[in-house]
C-alpha atoms as a PDB file:
ATOM      1  CA  MET A   1      -3.278  12.348   4.890  1.00  0.00           C
ATOM      2  CA  LYS A   2      -6.051   9.890   3.900  1.00  0.00           C
ATOM      3  CA  LYS A   3      -7.971  12.532   2.612  1.00  0.00           C
ATOM      4  CA  LEU A   4      -5.220  14.361   0.852  1.00  0.00           C
ATOM      5  CA  TYR A   5      -4.546  11.101  -1.181  1.00  0.00           C
ATOM      6  CA  GLN A   6      -8.290  10.577  -1.673  1.00  0.00           C
ATOM      7  CA  VAL A   7      -8.623  14.047  -3.439  1.00  0.00           C
ATOM      8  CA  ILE A   8      -5.080  13.471  -5.380  1.00  0.00           C
ATOM      9  CA  THR A   9      -6.806   9.989  -6.719  1.00  0.00           C
ATOM     10  CA  LEU A  10      -9.848  11.924  -7.321  1.00  0.00           C
ATOM     11  CA  LEU A  11      -7.823  14.648  -9.325  1.00  0.00           C
ATOM     12  CA  ILE A  12      -5.898  11.852 -11.140  1.00  0.00           C
ATOM     13  CA  LEU A  13      -8.958   9.950 -11.994  1.00  0.00           C
ATOM     14  CA  ALA A  14     -10.704  12.987 -13.780  1.00  0.00           C
ATOM     15  CA  PHE A  15      -7.139  13.215 -15.549  1.00  0.00           C
ATOM     16  CA  LEU A  16      -7.474   9.814 -16.592  1.00  0.00           C
ATOM     17  CA  LEU A  17     -10.877  10.167 -17.760  1.00  0.00           C
ATOM     18  CA  ALA A  18      -9.795  13.356 -20.048  1.00  0.00           C
ATOM     19  CA  ALA A  19      -6.960  11.450 -21.730  1.00  0.00           C
ATOM     20  CA  CYS A  20      -8.743   8.563 -22.759  1.00  0.00           C
ATOM     21  CA  ASP A  21      -9.112   7.756 -26.466  1.00  0.00           C
ATOM     22  CA  LYS A  22     -13.077   7.189 -26.990  1.00  0.00           C
ATOM     23  CA  ALA A  23     -13.190   6.328 -30.795  1.00  0.00           C
ATOM     24  CA  ASP A  24     -13.496   2.706 -29.483  1.00  0.00           C
ATOM     25  CA  PRO A  25     -17.257   1.340 -28.584  1.00  0.00           C
ATOM     26  CA  PRO A  26     -17.251   1.622 -24.524  1.00  0.00           C
ATOM     27  CA  GLN A  27     -17.014  -1.804 -22.917  1.00  0.00           C
ATOM     28  CA  LYS A  28     -19.112  -1.787 -19.435  1.00  0.00           C
ATOM     29  CA  PHE A  29     -16.590  -2.004 -16.920  1.00  0.00           C
ATOM     30  CA  SER A  30     -16.853  -0.869 -13.009  1.00  0.00           C
ATOM     31  CA  ALA A  31     -13.794  -0.128 -13.043  1.00  0.00           C
ATOM     32  CA  VAL A  32     -12.706   3.407 -14.968  1.00  0.00           C
ATOM     33  CA  ASP A  33     -11.889   2.516 -18.791  1.00  0.00           C
ATOM     34  CA  ILE A  34      -8.625   4.047 -19.251  1.00  0.00           C
ATOM     35  CA  THR A  35      -8.203   2.559 -22.921  1.00  0.00           C
ATOM     36  CA  GLY A  36      -5.843   4.490 -24.967  1.00  0.00           C
ATOM     37  CA  SER A  37      -4.090   6.509 -22.155  1.00  0.00           C
ATOM     38  CA  PRO A  38      -0.819   7.803 -23.468  1.00  0.00           C
ATOM     39  CA  TRP A  39       1.147   6.682 -20.571  1.00  0.00           C
ATOM     40  CA  GLY A  40       1.373   3.381 -18.547  1.00  0.00           C
ATOM     41  CA  LYS A  41       2.608   1.334 -21.641  1.00  0.00           C
ATOM     42  CA  ASP A  42       4.899  -0.929 -19.881  1.00  0.00           C
ATOM     43  CA  PHE A  43       7.275  -1.795 -16.957  1.00  0.00           C
ATOM     44  CA  HIS A  44      10.631  -3.196 -16.673  1.00  0.00           C
ATOM     45  CA  LEU A  45      11.098  -4.991 -13.317  1.00  0.00           C
ATOM     46  CA  THR A  46      12.729  -7.992 -11.454  1.00  0.00           C
ATOM     47  CA  ASP A  47      10.258 -10.318 -10.156  1.00  0.00           C
ATOM     48  CA  HIS A  48      10.781 -11.983  -6.744  1.00  0.00           C
ATOM     49  CA  ASN A  49      12.537 -15.136  -8.305  1.00  0.00           C
ATOM     50  CA  GLY A  50      15.034 -12.671 -10.120  1.00  0.00           C
ATOM     51  CA  GLN A  51      13.389 -12.998 -13.266  1.00  0.00           C
ATOM     52  CA  ALA A  52      13.086  -9.558 -15.142  1.00  0.00           C
ATOM     53  CA  ARG A  53       9.550  -9.357 -16.230  1.00  0.00           C
ATOM     54  CA  SER A  54       7.945  -6.343 -18.901  1.00  0.00           C
ATOM     55  CA  VAL A  55       4.120  -6.778 -19.814  1.00  0.00           C
ATOM     56  CA  ALA A  56       5.131  -8.539 -22.966  1.00  0.00           C
ATOM     57  CA  ASP A  57       6.067 -11.596 -20.472  1.00  0.00           C
ATOM     58  CA  PHE A  58       2.442 -11.899 -19.612  1.00  0.00           C
ATOM     59  CA  LYS A  59       0.825 -11.920 -23.136  1.00  0.00           C
ATOM     60  CA  GLY A  60      -2.315 -13.883 -23.042  1.00  0.00           C
ATOM     61  CA  LYS A  61      -3.428 -12.801 -19.619  1.00  0.00           C
ATOM     62  CA  ALA A  62      -4.752 -10.005 -17.937  1.00  0.00           C
ATOM     63  CA  VAL A  63      -2.226  -8.545 -15.696  1.00  0.00           C
ATOM     64  CA  VAL A  64      -3.004  -6.682 -12.424  1.00  0.00           C
ATOM     65  CA  LEU A  65      -0.662  -4.051 -11.482  1.00  0.00           C
ATOM     66  CA  PHE A  66      -0.645  -2.781  -7.680  1.00  0.00           C
ATOM     67  CA  PHE A  67       1.776  -0.585  -6.088  1.00  0.00           C
ATOM     68  CA  GLY A  68       2.615  -0.979  -2.418  1.00  0.00           C
ATOM     69  CA  TYR A  69       4.769  -1.813   0.069  1.00  0.00           C
ATOM     70  CA  THR A  70       5.254  -4.685   2.507  1.00  0.00           C
ATOM     71  CA  ASN A  71       5.188  -2.433   5.828  1.00  0.00           C
ATOM     72  CA  CYS A  72       2.017  -0.998   4.543  1.00  0.00           C
ATOM     73  CA  PRO A  73      -0.145  -1.665   8.027  1.00  0.00           C
ATOM     74  CA  ASP A  74      -3.752  -1.094   6.049  1.00  0.00           C
ATOM     75  CA  MET A  75      -4.483  -0.480   2.496  1.00  0.00           C
ATOM     76  CA  CYS A  76      -1.775  -2.704   0.725  1.00  0.00           C
ATOM     77  CA  PRO A  77      -3.056  -6.151   2.700  1.00  0.00           C
ATOM     78  CA  MET A  78      -6.676  -5.357   2.252  1.00  0.00           C
ATOM     79  CA  THR A  79      -6.008  -4.255  -1.398  1.00  0.00           C
ATOM     80  CA  MET A  80      -4.082  -7.819  -1.586  1.00  0.00           C
ATOM     81  CA  TYR A  81      -6.932  -9.601   0.151  1.00  0.00           C
ATOM     82  CA  LYS A  82      -9.497  -8.182  -2.131  1.00  0.00           C
ATOM     83  CA  LEU A  83      -7.497  -9.259  -5.138  1.00  0.00           C
ATOM     84  CA  ALA A  84      -7.302 -12.941  -3.956  1.00  0.00           C
ATOM     85  CA  MET A  85     -10.780 -13.202  -3.484  1.00  0.00           C
ATOM     86  CA  ALA A  86     -11.403 -11.856  -7.013  1.00  0.00           C
ATOM     87  CA  MET A  87      -8.987 -14.743  -8.132  1.00  0.00           C
ATOM     88  CA  GLU A  88     -11.084 -17.019  -6.406  1.00  0.00           C
ATOM     89  CA  LYS A  89     -14.488 -15.692  -7.555  1.00  0.00           C
ATOM     90  CA  LEU A  90     -12.738 -16.463 -11.521  1.00  0.00           C
ATOM     91  CA  GLY A  91     -12.346 -20.108 -10.777  1.00  0.00           C
ATOM     92  CA  LYS A  92     -10.500 -21.384 -13.543  1.00  0.00           C
ATOM     93  CA  ASP A  93     -10.312 -18.018 -15.437  1.00  0.00           C
ATOM     94  CA  ALA A  94      -7.719 -17.094 -12.662  1.00  0.00           C
ATOM     95  CA  GLU A  95      -5.033 -19.183 -14.975  1.00  0.00           C
ATOM     96  CA  ARG A  96      -5.473 -16.288 -17.322  1.00  0.00           C
ATOM     97  CA  VAL A  97      -4.884 -13.394 -14.607  1.00  0.00           C
ATOM     98  CA  GLN A  98      -1.383 -12.311 -13.223  1.00  0.00           C
ATOM     99  CA  VAL A  99      -1.207 -10.133 -10.212  1.00  0.00           C
ATOM    100  CA  LEU A 100       1.955  -7.770  -9.652  1.00  0.00           C
ATOM    101  CA  PHE A 101       2.425  -6.164  -6.480  1.00  0.00           C
ATOM    102  CA  VAL A 102       5.293  -3.535  -7.241  1.00  0.00           C
ATOM    103  CA  THR A 103       7.292  -2.102  -4.343  1.00  0.00           C
ATOM    104  CA  LEU A 104       7.484   1.351  -3.709  1.00  0.00           C
ATOM    105  CA  ASP A 105      10.065   0.686  -0.980  1.00  0.00           C
ATOM    106  CA  PRO A 106      12.738  -1.523  -2.866  1.00  0.00           C
ATOM    107  CA  LYS A 107      15.245  -0.484  -0.164  1.00  0.00           C
ATOM    108  CA  ARG A 108      13.235  -2.711   2.443  1.00  0.00           C
ATOM    109  CA  ASP A 109      11.316  -5.091   0.352  1.00  0.00           C
ATOM    110  CA  THR A 110      13.888  -7.424  -1.157  1.00  0.00           C
ATOM    111  CA  PRO A 111      13.020 -10.151  -3.429  1.00  0.00           C
ATOM    112  CA  LYS A 112      13.466 -12.656  -0.603  1.00  0.00           C
ATOM    113  CA  ILE A 113      10.782 -10.438   1.658  1.00  0.00           C
ATOM    114  CA  LEU A 114       8.493 -10.118  -1.728  1.00  0.00           C
ATOM    115  CA  LYS A 115       8.524 -13.968  -2.114  1.00  0.00           C
ATOM    116  CA  GLN A 116       7.114 -14.409   1.266  1.00  0.00           C
ATOM    117  CA  TYR A 117       4.684 -11.433   0.980  1.00  0.00           C
ATOM    118  CA  ALA A 118       2.965 -11.516  -2.120  1.00  0.00           C
ATOM    119  CA  PRO A 119       2.147 -15.225  -2.323  1.00  0.00           C
ATOM    120  CA  ALA A 120       0.977 -14.984   1.044  1.00  0.00           C
ATOM    121  CA  PHE A 121      -2.060 -13.545  -0.455  1.00  0.00           C
ATOM    122  CA  HIS A 122      -2.492 -16.081  -3.494  1.00  0.00           C
ATOM    123  CA  PRO A 123       0.029 -18.475  -4.697  1.00  0.00           C
ATOM    124  CA  SER A 124       0.200 -17.077  -8.222  1.00  0.00           C
ATOM    125  CA  PHE A 125       0.851 -13.458  -7.320  1.00  0.00           C
ATOM    126  CA  LEU A 126       4.566 -12.199  -8.023  1.00  0.00           C
ATOM    127  CA  GLY A 127       6.167  -9.448  -6.068  1.00  0.00           C
ATOM    128  CA  MET A 128       8.000  -6.866  -8.263  1.00  0.00           C
ATOM    129  CA  VAL A 129      11.078  -4.715  -7.482  1.00  0.00           C
ATOM    130  CA  GLY A 130      13.417  -2.284  -9.248  1.00  0.00           C
ATOM    131  CA  ASP A 131      16.076   0.080  -7.642  1.00  0.00           C
ATOM    132  CA  GLU A 132      15.249   3.601  -6.420  1.00  0.00           C
ATOM    133  CA  GLN A 133      15.651   5.076  -9.915  1.00  0.00           C
ATOM    134  CA  THR A 134      13.657   2.497 -11.453  1.00  0.00           C
ATOM    135  CA  THR A 135      10.824   2.668  -8.580  1.00  0.00           C
ATOM    136  CA  GLN A 136      10.448   6.364  -9.454  1.00  0.00           C
ATOM    137  CA  GLU A 137      10.361   6.141 -13.123  1.00  0.00           C
ATOM    138  CA  ILE A 138       7.633   3.494 -13.133  1.00  0.00           C
ATOM    139  CA  ALA A 139       5.647   5.462 -10.448  1.00  0.00           C
ATOM    140  CA  LYS A 140       5.909   8.483 -12.572  1.00  0.00           C
ATOM    141  CA  GLU A 141       5.009   6.458 -15.672  1.00  0.00           C
ATOM    142  CA  PHE A 142       1.209   5.345 -13.928  1.00  0.00           C
ATOM    143  CA  LYS A 143       1.116   8.486 -12.165  1.00  0.00           C
ATOM    144  CA  ILE A 144       1.807   7.058  -8.760  1.00  0.00           C
ATOM    145  CA  PHE A 145       2.131   9.606  -6.024  1.00  0.00           C
ATOM    146  CA  TYR A 146       4.453   8.034  -3.114  1.00  0.00           C
ATOM    147  CA  GLN A 147       6.577   9.433  -0.669  1.00  0.00           C
ATOM    148  CA  HIS A 148       8.758   7.867   2.491  1.00  0.00           C
ATOM    149  CA  GLN A 149       8.289   9.451   5.628  1.00  0.00           C
ATOM    150  CA  LYS A 150      11.019  10.504   8.230  1.00  0.00           C
ATOM    151  CA  PRO A 151      12.270   7.353  10.030  1.00  0.00           C
ATOM    152  CA  GLY A 152      11.089   7.511  13.707  1.00  0.00           C
ATOM    153  CA  GLU A 153      13.894   6.649  16.653  1.00  0.00           C
ATOM    154  CA  ASN A 154      13.828   3.051  16.150  1.00  0.00           C
ATOM    155  CA  GLY A 155      14.425   3.765  12.257  1.00  0.00           C
ATOM    156  CA  PHE A 156      10.835   2.418  10.827  1.00  0.00           C
ATOM    157  CA  TYR A 157       9.149   4.673   8.588  1.00  0.00           C
ATOM    158  CA  THR A 158       6.118   4.586   6.184  1.00  0.00           C
ATOM    159  CA  VAL A 159       5.383   5.277   2.785  1.00  0.00           C
ATOM    160  CA  ASP A 160       2.648   7.627   2.068  1.00  0.00           C
ATOM    161  CA  HIS A 161       1.025   6.275  -1.126  1.00  0.00           C
ATOM    162  CA  MET A 162      -1.966   6.218  -3.513  1.00  0.00           C
ATOM    163  CA  GLY A 163      -3.826   2.959  -3.683  1.00  0.00           C
ATOM    164  CA  PRO A 164      -5.271   2.274  -7.158  1.00  0.00           C
ATOM    165  CA  SER A 165      -4.284  -1.038  -9.565  1.00  0.00           C
ATOM    166  CA  PHE A 166      -4.141  -0.968 -12.957  1.00  0.00           C
ATOM    167  CA  VAL A 167      -5.006  -3.688 -15.574  1.00  0.00           C
ATOM    168  CA  PHE A 168      -3.553  -4.680 -18.490  1.00  0.00           C
ATOM    169  CA  ASP A 169      -5.857  -6.739 -21.346  1.00  0.00           C
ATOM    170  CA  PRO A 170      -4.340 -10.248 -22.704  1.00  0.00           C
ATOM    171  CA  GLN A 171      -2.546  -7.664 -25.757  1.00  0.00           C
ATOM    172  CA  GLY A 172      -0.764  -6.124 -23.218  1.00  0.00           C
ATOM    173  CA  ARG A 173      -2.763  -2.759 -23.369  1.00  0.00           C
ATOM    174  CA  LEU A 174      -3.844  -0.581 -20.324  1.00  0.00           C
ATOM    175  CA  ARG A 175      -7.142  -0.995 -20.263  1.00  0.00           C
ATOM    176  CA  LEU A 176      -8.351  -0.395 -16.413  1.00  0.00           C
ATOM    177  CA  PHE A 177      -8.168   1.889 -13.366  1.00  0.00           C
ATOM    178  CA  ILE A 178      -9.752   0.474 -10.280  1.00  0.00           C
ATOM    179  CA  ALA A 179      -9.952   2.245  -7.067  1.00  0.00           C
ATOM    180  CA  ASP A 180     -10.229   1.326  -3.479  1.00  0.00           C
ATOM    181  CA  GLN A 181     -13.991   1.731  -3.996  1.00  0.00           C
ATOM    182  CA  HIS A 182     -14.103  -1.355  -6.384  1.00  0.00           C
ATOM    183  CA  SER A 183     -14.955  -5.014  -4.705  1.00  0.00           C
ATOM    184  CA  ALA A 184     -13.869  -8.168  -5.273  1.00  0.00           C
ATOM    185  CA  ASP A 185     -16.934  -9.275  -7.024  1.00  0.00           C
ATOM    186  CA  MET A 186     -16.409  -5.754  -9.293  1.00  0.00           C
ATOM    187  CA  ILE A 187     -13.139  -6.698 -10.242  1.00  0.00           C
ATOM    188  CA  ALA A 188     -13.740 -10.366 -11.047  1.00  0.00           C
ATOM    189  CA  GLN A 189     -16.851  -9.180 -13.331  1.00  0.00           C
ATOM    190  CA  ASP A 190     -14.550  -6.741 -15.037  1.00  0.00           C
ATOM    191  CA  LEU A 191     -11.451  -9.413 -15.532  1.00  0.00           C
ATOM    192  CA  ARG A 192     -14.031 -11.547 -16.943  1.00  0.00           C
ATOM    193  CA  THR A 193     -15.359  -9.184 -19.380  1.00  0.00           C
ATOM    194  CA  LEU A 194     -11.485  -8.161 -20.351  1.00  0.00           C
ATOM    195  CA  LEU A 195     -10.799 -12.357 -21.027  1.00  0.00           C
ATOM    196  CA  LYS A 196     -13.944 -12.156 -23.015  1.00  0.00           C
ATOM    197  CA  GLY A 197     -12.923  -9.420 -25.197  1.00  0.00           C
END
């Protein structure tokens, strides 16, 4: 199953590169520059404090959007840890970065659960949730494939999903696609570049 998601991610990555507007002079990023993509324009979700949020609420900050779920056994905690390490590497610049963890499992990931989960990695991280329909719509908007698996005898289920993160610049424009292989150092450097730009 993991290989299937890697193949899907590579196909979407190829699509992203083809869809980007190359009119602007390219900046040097480790992540994939998706500036000008015709999708991923905004999101409308509720944070773990109960506040309605969109990309406009974070103007002046780079916003990192990561999709996952709190019961994820491996990819989600590893990515969240990596993003936390990137924040540490940014030093004072981290004050101008907002990481948002968007749940793909709103049935189990209540605001209370998200409030415990996201800040456990870094105190500034926010958990984001929508209802089932909103979750489906935002996943479609950001080309995120996910699928809830059949529950076991104890009712527990997993959610197969892709693991990229997306970065908006301080002006609220979608700019970067961060894949699994990008390190905390690479992410921190890309965020610095966006903040300077």
